[in-house]
Amino acid sequence: MSRGVIWQGDSEKVGNQFHPIPWLNDNAPGFSDLQQQEKDAVMQFSLLWSLFEAQALESSASSNSILKKCQKWSQRGVLELDTLQCFLDYFKERYIEQGKPNDRFKHLHLRRNDKPELVINVLRGIETDLGNILAVLLIIVYRYRNNFFHGIKWAYNFHDQLGNFTNANRLLSMVIKLNSQVEGAI
């Protein structure tokens, strides 16, 4: 009994001729519906996160390593609320309604190690330490990273994610530069 071909390699696309975007448009649910700006933001996030994790977190990201690094920067006096405020405002607006975490907050899938109470306290304005504020912003971005690389964001086809990835990219680029200036790049 002959079974149809389930998988067939694209031998003509091996080497320098393979272009993943057309392939993703044809094979990844919802990808073809994204605007180019959304695709760019997601792809840029992958590169920026990788560089941030390598340089600032010694290739070992965790909420604890993020908190430790941000507290170190805070103790050195290199953090300013003015540079963090636009990110804090964005995340507050996105995840807090009437002083409480909303449904979007639940979709961050924070784990116990992600310091959910600290995240809530920063977003509600209760915690104002600059090291903790930056740590919370980066922990949220870390959840974007985990939810993206573990496939959760694909489940809803990146719906309503442009602002998340755009802000994450801006924050990561700022922190990579800060790390380079304070710690020296790898």
N, C-alpha and C. Protein backbone atom coordinates (compact mmCIF):
# COMPACT_ATOMS: atom_id res chain seq x y z
N MET A 1 0.85 -1.16 0.00
CA MET A 1 0.00 0.00 0.00
C MET A 1 0.90 1.23 0.00
N SER A 2 0.66 2.12 -0.91
CA SER A 2 1.48 3.30 -1.07
C SER A 2 0.93 4.44 -0.21
N ARG A 3 1.81 5.00 0.58
CA ARG A 3 1.44 6.17 1.35
C ARG A 3 1.97 7.38 0.61
N GLY A 4 1.20 8.43 0.56
CA GLY A 4 1.63 9.65 -0.12
C GLY A 4 2.84 10.27 0.57
N VAL A 5 3.51 11.10 -0.14
CA VAL A 5 4.66 11.78 0.43
C VAL A 5 4.15 12.79 1.45
N ILE A 6 4.60 12.59 2.69
CA ILE A 6 4.19 13.49 3.76
C ILE A 6 5.16 14.66 3.84
N TRP A 7 6.42 14.36 3.69
CA TRP A 7 7.44 15.39 3.79
C TRP A 7 8.39 15.23 2.64
N GLN A 8 8.68 16.30 2.03
CA GLN A 8 9.65 16.28 0.94
C GLN A 8 10.54 17.49 1.13
N GLY A 9 11.83 17.26 1.17
CA GLY A 9 12.78 18.35 1.35
C GLY A 9 12.76 19.29 0.16
N ASP A 10 13.11 20.50 0.39
CA ASP A 10 13.20 21.49 -0.68
C ASP A 10 14.65 21.56 -1.14
N SER A 11 15.09 20.51 -1.84
CA SER A 11 16.51 20.44 -2.21
C SER A 11 16.94 21.61 -3.07
N GLU A 12 16.01 22.17 -3.84
CA GLU A 12 16.38 23.31 -4.67
C GLU A 12 16.59 24.58 -3.84
N LYS A 13 16.21 24.52 -2.57
CA LYS A 13 16.34 25.69 -1.71
C LYS A 13 17.50 25.56 -0.72
N VAL A 14 18.29 24.52 -0.85
CA VAL A 14 19.41 24.32 0.05
C VAL A 14 20.53 25.28 -0.33
N GLY A 15 21.24 25.74 0.68
CA GLY A 15 22.35 26.66 0.42
C GLY A 15 21.91 28.09 0.56
N ASN A 16 22.46 28.95 -0.26
CA ASN A 16 22.21 30.38 -0.16
C ASN A 16 20.90 30.84 -0.79
N GLN A 17 20.14 29.94 -1.37
CA GLN A 17 18.96 30.34 -2.11
C GLN A 17 17.66 30.25 -1.30
N PHE A 18 17.70 29.73 -0.11
CA PHE A 18 16.48 29.60 0.71
C PHE A 18 16.12 30.94 1.33
N HIS A 19 14.86 31.31 1.20
CA HIS A 19 14.36 32.55 1.79
C HIS A 19 13.22 32.19 2.74
N PRO A 20 13.45 32.32 4.05
CA PRO A 20 12.45 31.85 5.02
C PRO A 20 11.15 32.64 5.04
N ILE A 21 11.15 33.91 4.69
CA ILE A 21 9.92 34.69 4.78
C ILE A 21 8.83 34.16 3.84
N PRO A 22 9.12 33.93 2.56
CA PRO A 22 8.08 33.33 1.72
C PRO A 22 7.64 31.95 2.24
N TRP A 23 8.60 31.20 2.76
CA TRP A 23 8.25 29.89 3.31
C TRP A 23 7.32 30.05 4.51
N LEU A 24 7.65 30.99 5.42
CA LEU A 24 6.78 31.24 6.57
C LEU A 24 5.40 31.73 6.13
N ASN A 25 5.37 32.58 5.13
CA ASN A 25 4.08 33.06 4.61
C ASN A 25 3.20 31.90 4.17
N ASP A 26 3.81 30.88 3.58
CA ASP A 26 3.07 29.73 3.08
C ASP A 26 2.79 28.67 4.15
N ASN A 27 3.59 28.62 5.21
CA ASN A 27 3.52 27.48 6.13
C ASN A 27 3.24 27.81 7.59
N ALA A 28 3.41 29.04 8.01
CA ALA A 28 3.19 29.40 9.42
C ALA A 28 1.83 30.07 9.57
N PRO A 29 0.96 29.51 10.39
CA PRO A 29 -0.38 30.07 10.54
C PRO A 29 -0.34 31.54 10.95
N GLY A 30 -1.03 32.36 10.18
CA GLY A 30 -1.17 33.78 10.49
C GLY A 30 0.00 34.65 10.08
N PHE A 31 1.13 34.07 9.72
CA PHE A 31 2.30 34.88 9.40
C PHE A 31 2.06 35.76 8.18
N SER A 32 1.40 35.22 7.18
CA SER A 32 1.16 36.00 5.96
C SER A 32 0.22 37.18 6.22
N ASP A 33 -0.55 37.13 7.31
CA ASP A 33 -1.47 38.21 7.65
C ASP A 33 -0.78 39.39 8.35
N LEU A 34 0.43 39.16 8.82
CA LEU A 34 1.15 40.22 9.52
C LEU A 34 1.62 41.29 8.55
N GLN A 35 1.63 42.52 9.00
CA GLN A 35 2.21 43.61 8.23
C GLN A 35 3.73 43.46 8.29
N GLN A 36 4.42 44.04 7.33
CA GLN A 36 5.88 43.94 7.31
C GLN A 36 6.49 44.52 8.58
N GLN A 37 5.91 45.58 9.09
CA GLN A 37 6.40 46.21 10.32
C GLN A 37 6.35 45.22 11.49
N GLU A 38 5.29 44.41 11.55
CA GLU A 38 5.17 43.41 12.61
C GLU A 38 6.20 42.31 12.44
N LYS A 39 6.39 41.84 11.22
CA LYS A 39 7.40 40.81 10.95
C LYS A 39 8.78 41.31 11.32
N ASP A 40 9.08 42.54 10.94
CA ASP A 40 10.38 43.12 11.24
C ASP A 40 10.61 43.20 12.75
N ALA A 41 9.61 43.65 13.48
CA ALA A 41 9.74 43.80 14.93
C ALA A 41 10.03 42.45 15.60
N VAL A 42 9.34 41.41 15.15
CA VAL A 42 9.54 40.08 15.73
C VAL A 42 10.93 39.57 15.40
N MET A 43 11.36 39.72 14.16
CA MET A 43 12.69 39.24 13.77
C MET A 43 13.79 40.03 14.48
N GLN A 44 13.62 41.33 14.60
CA GLN A 44 14.62 42.15 15.28
C GLN A 44 14.70 41.79 16.76
N PHE A 45 13.57 41.45 17.34
CA PHE A 45 13.55 41.04 18.74
C PHE A 45 14.46 39.84 18.97
N SER A 46 14.42 38.88 18.09
CA SER A 46 15.26 37.69 18.23
C SER A 46 16.73 38.07 18.31
N LEU A 47 17.16 38.96 17.44
CA LEU A 47 18.56 39.38 17.42
C LEU A 47 18.93 40.20 18.65
N LEU A 48 18.08 41.15 18.99
CA LEU A 48 18.37 42.01 20.14
C LEU A 48 18.38 41.21 21.45
N TRP A 49 17.41 40.30 21.61
CA TRP A 49 17.40 39.50 22.83
C TRP A 49 18.68 38.68 22.92
N SER A 50 19.07 38.05 21.85
CA SER A 50 20.27 37.22 21.84
C SER A 50 21.50 38.03 22.25
N LEU A 51 21.64 39.22 21.70
CA LEU A 51 22.77 40.08 22.04
C LEU A 51 22.71 40.53 23.50
N PHE A 52 21.53 40.92 23.96
CA PHE A 52 21.34 41.33 25.36
C PHE A 52 21.72 40.19 26.30
N GLU A 53 21.20 39.00 26.03
CA GLU A 53 21.47 37.87 26.91
C GLU A 53 22.96 37.54 26.92
N ALA A 54 23.60 37.58 25.77
CA ALA A 54 25.04 37.27 25.69
C ALA A 54 25.87 38.30 26.43
N GLN A 55 25.57 39.58 26.21
CA GLN A 55 26.43 40.62 26.77
C GLN A 55 26.10 40.98 28.22
N ALA A 56 24.85 41.14 28.52
CA ALA A 56 24.47 41.61 29.86
C ALA A 56 24.29 40.48 30.86
N LEU A 57 23.88 39.31 30.39
CA LEU A 57 23.54 38.22 31.31
C LEU A 57 24.45 37.01 31.16
N GLU A 58 25.57 37.20 30.51
CA GLU A 58 26.56 36.14 30.34
C GLU A 58 25.93 34.86 29.78
N SER A 59 25.04 35.02 28.82
CA SER A 59 24.36 33.92 28.10
C SER A 59 23.54 33.02 29.02
N SER A 60 23.05 33.58 30.11
CA SER A 60 22.27 32.78 31.04
C SER A 60 21.13 33.63 31.62
N ALA A 61 20.09 33.82 30.84
CA ALA A 61 18.98 34.66 31.25
C ALA A 61 18.07 33.94 32.24
N SER A 62 17.67 34.68 33.24
CA SER A 62 16.64 34.27 34.18
C SER A 62 16.14 35.55 34.84
N SER A 63 15.02 35.48 35.47
CA SER A 63 14.53 36.66 36.18
C SER A 63 15.49 37.05 37.29
N ASN A 64 16.09 36.07 37.94
CA ASN A 64 17.04 36.37 39.00
C ASN A 64 18.29 37.06 38.46
N SER A 65 18.80 36.60 37.31
CA SER A 65 19.99 37.24 36.74
C SER A 65 19.67 38.66 36.26
N ILE A 66 18.47 38.86 35.76
CA ILE A 66 18.03 40.20 35.35
C ILE A 66 17.96 41.11 36.58
N LEU A 67 17.33 40.65 37.64
CA LEU A 67 17.19 41.44 38.86
C LEU A 67 18.56 41.79 39.44
N LYS A 68 19.44 40.83 39.47
CA LYS A 68 20.79 41.06 40.01
C LYS A 68 21.53 42.12 39.20
N LYS A 69 21.48 42.03 37.88
CA LYS A 69 22.17 42.99 37.02
C LYS A 69 21.57 44.38 37.19
N CYS A 70 20.25 44.48 37.23
CA CYS A 70 19.61 45.79 37.36
C CYS A 70 19.88 46.42 38.71
N GLN A 71 19.93 45.62 39.76
CA GLN A 71 20.27 46.16 41.08
C GLN A 71 21.71 46.65 41.10
N LYS A 72 22.60 45.96 40.41
CA LYS A 72 23.99 46.39 40.31
C LYS A 72 24.08 47.75 39.62
N TRP A 73 23.35 47.91 38.51
CA TRP A 73 23.34 49.19 37.80
C TRP A 73 22.75 50.30 38.67
N SER A 74 21.70 49.97 39.41
CA SER A 74 21.08 50.95 40.28
C SER A 74 22.06 51.41 41.36
N GLN A 75 22.77 50.47 41.95
CA GLN A 75 23.75 50.80 42.99
C GLN A 75 24.87 51.68 42.43
N ARG A 76 25.18 51.51 41.15
CA ARG A 76 26.21 52.34 40.52
C ARG A 76 25.68 53.72 40.13
N GLY A 77 24.39 53.92 40.25
CA GLY A 77 23.80 55.22 39.97
C GLY A 77 23.68 55.57 38.50
N VAL A 78 23.59 54.56 37.64
CA VAL A 78 23.54 54.82 36.19
C VAL A 78 22.13 54.79 35.61
N LEU A 79 21.12 54.54 36.44
CA LEU A 79 19.74 54.47 35.96
C LEU A 79 19.02 55.78 36.23
N GLU A 80 18.16 56.17 35.29
CA GLU A 80 17.36 57.38 35.45
C GLU A 80 15.91 57.07 35.10
N LEU A 81 15.01 57.54 35.94
CA LEU A 81 13.59 57.30 35.72
C LEU A 81 13.13 57.84 34.37
N ASP A 82 13.66 58.98 33.96
CA ASP A 82 13.25 59.59 32.69
C ASP A 82 13.45 58.64 31.51
N THR A 83 14.50 57.85 31.53
CA THR A 83 14.76 56.93 30.41
C THR A 83 13.89 55.68 30.47
N LEU A 84 13.35 55.39 31.64
CA LEU A 84 12.52 54.20 31.81
C LEU A 84 11.03 54.50 31.75
N GLN A 85 10.65 55.76 31.93
CA GLN A 85 9.25 56.13 32.12
C GLN A 85 8.35 55.73 30.95
N CYS A 86 8.80 55.92 29.71
CA CYS A 86 7.93 55.58 28.58
C CYS A 86 7.63 54.08 28.52
N PHE A 87 8.62 53.26 28.90
CA PHE A 87 8.41 51.80 28.92
C PHE A 87 7.49 51.42 30.07
N LEU A 88 7.72 52.04 31.22
CA LEU A 88 6.87 51.78 32.38
C LEU A 88 5.43 52.18 32.09
N ASP A 89 5.24 53.33 31.46
CA ASP A 89 3.89 53.77 31.10
C ASP A 89 3.22 52.78 30.14
N TYR A 90 3.98 52.31 29.15
CA TYR A 90 3.41 51.37 28.18
C TYR A 90 2.94 50.09 28.88
N PHE A 91 3.82 49.52 29.72
CA PHE A 91 3.47 48.26 30.38
C PHE A 91 2.36 48.44 31.41
N LYS A 92 2.34 49.58 32.10
CA LYS A 92 1.24 49.86 33.03
C LYS A 92 -0.09 49.89 32.28
N GLU A 93 -0.10 50.63 31.19
CA GLU A 93 -1.33 50.75 30.40
C GLU A 93 -1.77 49.40 29.84
N ARG A 94 -0.82 48.59 29.47
CA ARG A 94 -1.14 47.30 28.85
C ARG A 94 -1.62 46.27 29.87
N TYR A 95 -1.05 46.26 31.06
CA TYR A 95 -1.27 45.15 31.99
C TYR A 95 -2.02 45.48 33.27
N ILE A 96 -2.31 46.74 33.52
CA ILE A 96 -3.02 47.12 34.75
C ILE A 96 -4.28 47.90 34.39
N GLU A 97 -5.41 47.48 34.96
CA GLU A 97 -6.68 48.19 34.78
C GLU A 97 -7.29 48.40 36.16
N GLN A 98 -7.63 49.62 36.44
CA GLN A 98 -8.23 49.98 37.73
C GLN A 98 -7.38 49.47 38.89
N GLY A 99 -6.06 49.58 38.75
CA GLY A 99 -5.14 49.20 39.80
C GLY A 99 -4.87 47.72 39.97
N LYS A 100 -5.43 46.91 39.06
CA LYS A 100 -5.28 45.45 39.18
C LYS A 100 -4.78 44.86 37.87
N PRO A 101 -4.06 43.73 37.96
CA PRO A 101 -3.62 43.04 36.73
C PRO A 101 -4.83 42.59 35.92
N ASN A 102 -4.74 42.76 34.60
CA ASN A 102 -5.84 42.38 33.72
C ASN A 102 -5.57 41.03 33.04
N ASP A 103 -6.43 40.66 32.10
CA ASP A 103 -6.27 39.38 31.41
C ASP A 103 -4.96 39.31 30.62
N ARG A 104 -4.55 40.43 30.04
CA ARG A 104 -3.28 40.43 29.31
C ARG A 104 -2.12 40.07 30.24
N PHE A 105 -2.20 40.55 31.47
CA PHE A 105 -1.16 40.23 32.45
C PHE A 105 -1.07 38.72 32.65
N LYS A 106 -2.21 38.07 32.74
CA LYS A 106 -2.23 36.61 32.91
C LYS A 106 -1.53 35.91 31.74
N HIS A 107 -1.65 36.49 30.55
CA HIS A 107 -1.06 35.87 29.36
C HIS A 107 0.46 36.06 29.27
N LEU A 108 1.04 36.80 30.22
CA LEU A 108 2.50 36.83 30.30
C LEU A 108 3.04 35.48 30.79
N HIS A 109 2.19 34.72 31.48
CA HIS A 109 2.56 33.41 32.02
C HIS A 109 3.76 33.53 32.96
N LEU A 110 3.68 34.51 33.86
CA LEU A 110 4.75 34.67 34.85
C LEU A 110 4.81 33.44 35.74
N ARG A 111 6.00 32.99 36.01
CA ARG A 111 6.22 31.89 36.94
C ARG A 111 6.64 32.48 38.29
N ARG A 112 6.67 31.65 39.30
CA ARG A 112 7.05 32.12 40.64
C ARG A 112 8.43 32.78 40.61
N ASN A 113 9.37 32.22 39.85
CA ASN A 113 10.72 32.78 39.75
C ASN A 113 10.75 34.14 39.05
N ASP A 114 9.67 34.49 38.35
CA ASP A 114 9.59 35.76 37.63
C ASP A 114 9.15 36.91 38.53
N LYS A 115 9.02 36.64 39.80
CA LYS A 115 8.70 37.68 40.78
C LYS A 115 7.39 38.41 40.47
N PRO A 116 6.27 37.66 40.32
CA PRO A 116 5.01 38.29 39.93
C PRO A 116 4.55 39.40 40.87
N GLU A 117 4.80 39.27 42.17
CA GLU A 117 4.38 40.34 43.09
C GLU A 117 5.20 41.60 42.87
N LEU A 118 6.49 41.45 42.61
CA LEU A 118 7.33 42.61 42.30
C LEU A 118 6.86 43.26 41.01
N VAL A 119 6.54 42.45 40.02
CA VAL A 119 6.05 42.98 38.74
C VAL A 119 4.78 43.80 38.97
N ILE A 120 3.85 43.24 39.70
CA ILE A 120 2.59 43.95 39.98
C ILE A 120 2.86 45.24 40.76
N ASN A 121 3.72 45.17 41.77
CA ASN A 121 4.00 46.35 42.59
C ASN A 121 4.66 47.47 41.80
N VAL A 122 5.54 47.12 40.87
CA VAL A 122 6.15 48.14 40.02
C VAL A 122 5.10 48.74 39.09
N LEU A 123 4.30 47.88 38.46
CA LEU A 123 3.30 48.37 37.52
C LEU A 123 2.22 49.20 38.22
N ARG A 124 1.94 48.91 39.46
CA ARG A 124 0.95 49.69 40.22
C ARG A 124 1.56 50.94 40.85
N GLY A 125 2.88 51.13 40.73
CA GLY A 125 3.53 52.31 41.27
C GLY A 125 3.87 52.21 42.74
N ILE A 126 3.73 51.04 43.33
CA ILE A 126 4.04 50.85 44.75
C ILE A 126 5.55 50.75 44.95
N GLU A 127 6.21 50.03 44.08
CA GLU A 127 7.68 49.87 44.13
C GLU A 127 8.30 50.88 43.18
N THR A 128 9.20 51.70 43.70
CA THR A 128 9.76 52.79 42.90
C THR A 128 11.29 52.74 42.77
N ASP A 129 11.93 51.72 43.30
CA ASP A 129 13.37 51.59 43.16
C ASP A 129 13.72 51.41 41.68
N LEU A 130 14.67 52.20 41.18
CA LEU A 130 14.99 52.18 39.74
C LEU A 130 15.51 50.82 39.29
N GLY A 131 16.30 50.15 40.12
CA GLY A 131 16.78 48.82 39.77
C GLY A 131 15.63 47.84 39.62
N ASN A 132 14.67 47.92 40.52
CA ASN A 132 13.50 47.03 40.44
C ASN A 132 12.61 47.39 39.25
N ILE A 133 12.49 48.68 38.96
CA ILE A 133 11.68 49.09 37.81
C ILE A 133 12.28 48.52 36.52
N LEU A 134 13.58 48.73 36.32
CA LEU A 134 14.21 48.19 35.11
C LEU A 134 14.14 46.67 35.09
N ALA A 135 14.35 46.04 36.23
CA ALA A 135 14.26 44.58 36.28
C ALA A 135 12.88 44.10 35.84
N VAL A 136 11.83 44.75 36.33
CA VAL A 136 10.47 44.35 35.97
C VAL A 136 10.23 44.54 34.48
N LEU A 137 10.68 45.66 33.93
CA LEU A 137 10.53 45.88 32.49
C LEU A 137 11.21 44.75 31.72
N LEU A 138 12.40 44.38 32.14
CA LEU A 138 13.14 43.31 31.44
C LEU A 138 12.55 41.93 31.73
N ILE A 139 11.97 41.73 32.89
CA ILE A 139 11.30 40.45 33.17
C ILE A 139 10.09 40.30 32.24
N ILE A 140 9.37 41.37 32.01
CA ILE A 140 8.25 41.31 31.06
C ILE A 140 8.77 40.97 29.67
N VAL A 141 9.85 41.61 29.26
CA VAL A 141 10.45 41.30 27.96
C VAL A 141 10.96 39.86 27.93
N TYR A 142 11.48 39.39 29.05
CA TYR A 142 11.92 38.00 29.17
C TYR A 142 10.74 37.05 28.97
N ARG A 143 9.58 37.41 29.47
CA ARG A 143 8.38 36.59 29.24
C ARG A 143 8.00 36.62 27.76
N TYR A 144 8.14 37.78 27.11
CA TYR A 144 7.89 37.83 25.66
C TYR A 144 8.81 36.83 24.98
N ARG A 145 10.08 36.85 25.39
CA ARG A 145 11.07 35.94 24.80
C ARG A 145 10.63 34.48 25.01
N ASN A 146 10.28 34.13 26.24
CA ASN A 146 9.89 32.75 26.52
C ASN A 146 8.61 32.37 25.78
N ASN A 147 7.64 33.27 25.79
CA ASN A 147 6.38 32.98 25.12
C ASN A 147 6.56 32.89 23.60
N PHE A 148 7.49 33.65 23.07
CA PHE A 148 7.79 33.61 21.63
C PHE A 148 8.56 32.35 21.28
N PHE A 149 9.66 32.10 21.96
CA PHE A 149 10.50 30.96 21.59
C PHE A 149 9.89 29.62 21.97
N HIS A 150 8.94 29.61 22.89
CA HIS A 150 8.27 28.36 23.25
C HIS A 150 6.92 28.21 22.55
N GLY A 151 6.62 29.11 21.62
CA GLY A 151 5.49 28.93 20.73
C GLY A 151 4.16 29.52 21.16
N ILE A 152 4.07 30.09 22.36
CA ILE A 152 2.78 30.60 22.81
C ILE A 152 2.28 31.73 21.92
N LYS A 153 3.16 32.60 21.48
CA LYS A 153 2.72 33.73 20.64
C LYS A 153 2.21 33.24 19.28
N TRP A 154 2.71 32.12 18.80
CA TRP A 154 2.21 31.57 17.53
C TRP A 154 0.76 31.11 17.68
N ALA A 155 0.38 30.75 18.89
CA ALA A 155 -0.97 30.22 19.10
C ALA A 155 -2.04 31.24 18.75
N TYR A 156 -1.74 32.51 18.89
CA TYR A 156 -2.72 33.52 18.48
C TYR A 156 -2.16 34.43 17.41
N ASN A 157 -1.24 33.88 16.63
CA ASN A 157 -0.75 34.52 15.40
C ASN A 157 -0.22 35.93 15.60
N PHE A 158 0.42 36.16 16.74
CA PHE A 158 1.05 37.45 17.02
C PHE A 158 0.05 38.60 17.03
N HIS A 159 -1.23 38.31 17.24
CA HIS A 159 -2.26 39.34 17.29
C HIS A 159 -1.92 40.35 18.38
N ASP A 160 -1.96 41.62 18.02
CA ASP A 160 -1.80 42.72 18.98
C ASP A 160 -0.43 42.72 19.65
N GLN A 161 0.62 42.39 18.90
CA GLN A 161 1.96 42.29 19.49
C GLN A 161 2.95 43.35 19.00
N LEU A 162 2.59 44.17 18.04
CA LEU A 162 3.53 45.15 17.50
C LEU A 162 4.06 46.07 18.60
N GLY A 163 3.20 46.61 19.42
CA GLY A 163 3.63 47.49 20.50
C GLY A 163 4.55 46.78 21.47
N ASN A 164 4.24 45.53 21.78
CA ASN A 164 5.09 44.77 22.70
C ASN A 164 6.50 44.63 22.15
N PHE A 165 6.60 44.17 20.91
CA PHE A 165 7.92 43.92 20.35
C PHE A 165 8.66 45.23 20.03
N THR A 166 7.95 46.25 19.62
CA THR A 166 8.59 47.54 19.36
C THR A 166 9.17 48.12 20.65
N ASN A 167 8.39 48.11 21.72
CA ASN A 167 8.89 48.60 23.00
C ASN A 167 9.99 47.71 23.55
N ALA A 168 9.85 46.42 23.41
CA ALA A 168 10.90 45.50 23.87
C ALA A 168 12.19 45.77 23.12
N ASN A 169 12.11 45.99 21.81
CA ASN A 169 13.31 46.25 21.01
C ASN A 169 13.98 47.56 21.43
N ARG A 170 13.20 48.57 21.66
CA ARG A 170 13.76 49.86 22.11
C ARG A 170 14.42 49.72 23.48
N LEU A 171 13.75 49.02 24.39
CA LEU A 171 14.31 48.81 25.73
C LEU A 171 15.59 47.99 25.66
N LEU A 172 15.56 46.91 24.90
CA LEU A 172 16.75 46.07 24.79
C LEU A 172 17.93 46.84 24.21
N SER A 173 17.68 47.63 23.17
CA SER A 173 18.79 48.39 22.57
C SER A 173 19.35 49.40 23.57
N MET A 174 18.49 50.01 24.36
CA MET A 174 18.94 50.96 25.37
C MET A 174 19.78 50.25 26.43
N VAL A 175 19.33 49.08 26.87
CA VAL A 175 20.03 48.35 27.93
C VAL A 175 21.34 47.74 27.41
N ILE A 176 21.36 47.30 26.17
CA ILE A 176 22.60 46.79 25.58
C ILE A 176 23.65 47.90 25.56
N LYS A 177 23.23 49.10 25.18
CA LYS A 177 24.15 50.24 25.15
C LYS A 177 24.60 50.58 26.57
N LEU A 178 23.69 50.61 27.52
CA LEU A 178 24.03 50.87 28.91
C LEU A 178 25.04 49.85 29.40
N ASN A 179 24.79 48.59 29.13
CA ASN A 179 25.69 47.53 29.57
C ASN A 179 27.08 47.72 28.97
N SER A 180 27.13 48.07 27.71
CA SER A 180 28.39 48.29 27.04
C SER A 180 29.17 49.44 27.68
N GLN A 181 28.46 50.50 28.03
CA GLN A 181 29.11 51.67 28.63
C GLN A 181 29.56 51.39 30.06
N VAL A 182 28.76 50.65 30.81
CA VAL A 182 29.05 50.43 32.22
C VAL A 182 29.97 49.23 32.45
N GLU A 183 29.68 48.16 31.76
CA GLU A 183 30.38 46.91 31.98
C GLU A 183 31.44 46.60 30.92
N GLY A 184 31.26 47.18 29.74
CA GLY A 184 32.11 46.81 28.61
C GLY A 184 31.49 45.63 27.90
N ALA A 185 31.46 45.68 26.59
CA ALA A 185 30.84 44.61 25.79
C ALA A 185 31.75 43.41 25.72
N ILE A 186 31.14 42.27 25.48
CA ILE A 186 31.90 41.02 25.32
C ILE A 186 32.63 41.05 23.99
